[in-house]
Protein backbone atom coordinates (compact mmCIF):
# COMPACT_ATOMS: atom_id res chain seq x y z
CA MET A 1 0.00 0.00 0.00
CA PRO A 2 1.36 3.45 -0.85
CA ALA A 3 2.20 5.85 1.95
CA MET A 4 -0.89 7.56 3.27
CA LYS A 5 -1.33 10.98 4.79
CA ARG A 6 -3.88 11.98 7.36
CA TRP A 7 -5.56 15.36 7.36
CA ASN A 8 -8.06 16.15 10.08
CA VAL A 9 -10.82 18.72 10.21
CA GLU A 10 -12.09 19.90 13.57
CA ILE A 11 -15.58 21.39 13.58
CA LEU A 12 -16.83 23.67 16.32
CA ILE A 13 -20.52 24.63 16.52
CA GLY A 14 -22.19 27.26 18.68
CA GLU A 15 -25.58 28.91 18.91
CA VAL A 16 -26.55 32.37 20.13
CA ASP A 17 -29.98 34.01 19.72
CA ARG A 18 -31.26 31.52 17.09
CA ARG A 19 -28.02 31.94 15.10
CA THR A 20 -25.82 28.91 14.59
CA TYR A 21 -22.12 29.40 13.94
CA ALA A 22 -19.65 26.78 12.74
CA GLU A 23 -15.91 26.76 12.27
CA ALA A 24 -14.01 24.08 10.37
CA GLN A 25 -10.25 24.00 10.88
CA LEU A 26 -7.93 21.86 8.77
CA TYR A 27 -4.95 20.19 10.44
CA ASP A 28 -2.34 18.80 8.06
CA GLU A 29 1.43 18.65 7.67
CA ILE A 30 1.49 21.65 5.30
CA ARG A 31 -0.28 24.38 7.24
CA ASP A 32 -2.50 24.63 10.26
CA ASN A 33 -4.15 27.99 9.81
CA LEU A 34 -6.93 27.20 7.33
CA ILE A 35 -10.29 27.89 8.91
CA GLY A 36 -13.65 27.99 7.18
CA THR A 37 -16.66 29.61 8.77
CA GLY A 38 -20.39 29.34 8.27
CA GLN A 39 -23.56 30.48 9.95
CA THR A 40 -27.31 30.37 9.69
CA ARG A 41 -30.20 32.05 11.43
CA ALA A 42 -33.45 30.37 12.35
CA ARG A 43 -36.48 32.29 11.13
CA LEU A 44 -38.97 33.26 13.78
CA ASP A 45 -41.87 31.79 11.77
CA THR A 46 -40.34 28.30 11.55
CA PRO A 47 -39.78 25.62 14.20
CA ASN A 48 -36.46 25.88 15.98
CA ILE A 49 -34.73 22.58 15.17
CA PRO A 50 -31.08 23.02 16.22
CA GLU A 51 -29.84 19.97 14.27
CA ILE A 52 -30.86 21.54 10.97
CA GLY A 53 -29.12 24.79 11.85
CA ASP A 54 -26.00 22.78 12.72
CA GLU A 55 -26.08 21.00 9.36
CA ILE A 56 -26.43 24.23 7.39
CA ALA A 57 -23.76 26.12 9.33
CA VAL A 58 -21.31 23.19 9.11
CA ALA A 59 -21.95 22.73 5.38
CA ARG A 60 -21.22 26.42 4.84
CA ALA A 61 -18.06 26.22 6.98
CA LEU A 62 -16.80 23.19 5.03
CA SER A 63 -17.58 24.90 1.73
CA ASP A 64 -15.66 27.99 2.89
CA LEU A 65 -12.76 25.80 4.02
CA GLY A 66 -12.68 24.08 0.62
CA HIS A 67 -12.55 27.44 -1.14
CA ARG A 68 -9.75 28.64 1.11
CA LEU A 69 -7.79 25.43 0.43
CA LEU A 70 -8.11 25.98 -3.33
CA VAL A 71 -6.87 29.56 -2.92
CA ALA A 72 -3.91 28.33 -0.86
CA ALA A 73 -3.08 25.63 -3.43
CA SER A 74 -3.27 28.20 -6.25
CA GLY A 75 -0.82 30.43 -4.39
CA ASP A 76 1.53 27.53 -3.74
CA LEU A 77 1.40 26.50 -7.41
CA GLU A 78 1.99 30.08 -8.60
CA GLU A 79 4.98 30.32 -6.30
CA ALA A 80 6.41 27.05 -7.62
CA THR A 81 5.79 27.73 -11.33
CA HIS A 82 6.00 31.54 -11.43
CA GLU A 83 2.85 31.50 -13.56
CA ARG A 84 -0.69 32.69 -12.92
CA VAL A 85 -2.93 29.81 -11.80
CA SER A 86 -6.69 29.46 -11.46
CA LEU A 87 -8.07 26.36 -9.80
CA ASP A 88 -11.72 27.41 -9.95
CA ALA A 89 -13.85 24.39 -10.69
């Protein structure tokens, strides 16, 4: 089996005044400062179901983290190749 690497993402979730906040931090051997954030707000005219707010906020935090990772990879590739790079999907 080829050598494997392990990257971990820690997700923190909090709620204040019907707003749910999430933070997703990537831990790897390259960098440890990539953090994605997300939030959602429960509408007053809908049932307050915290699990759904958690899912939405975490999904947004992971999406933000993914975008930030692509930006970081683009910068690393530009630095290595001295050429402009766009990794937009």
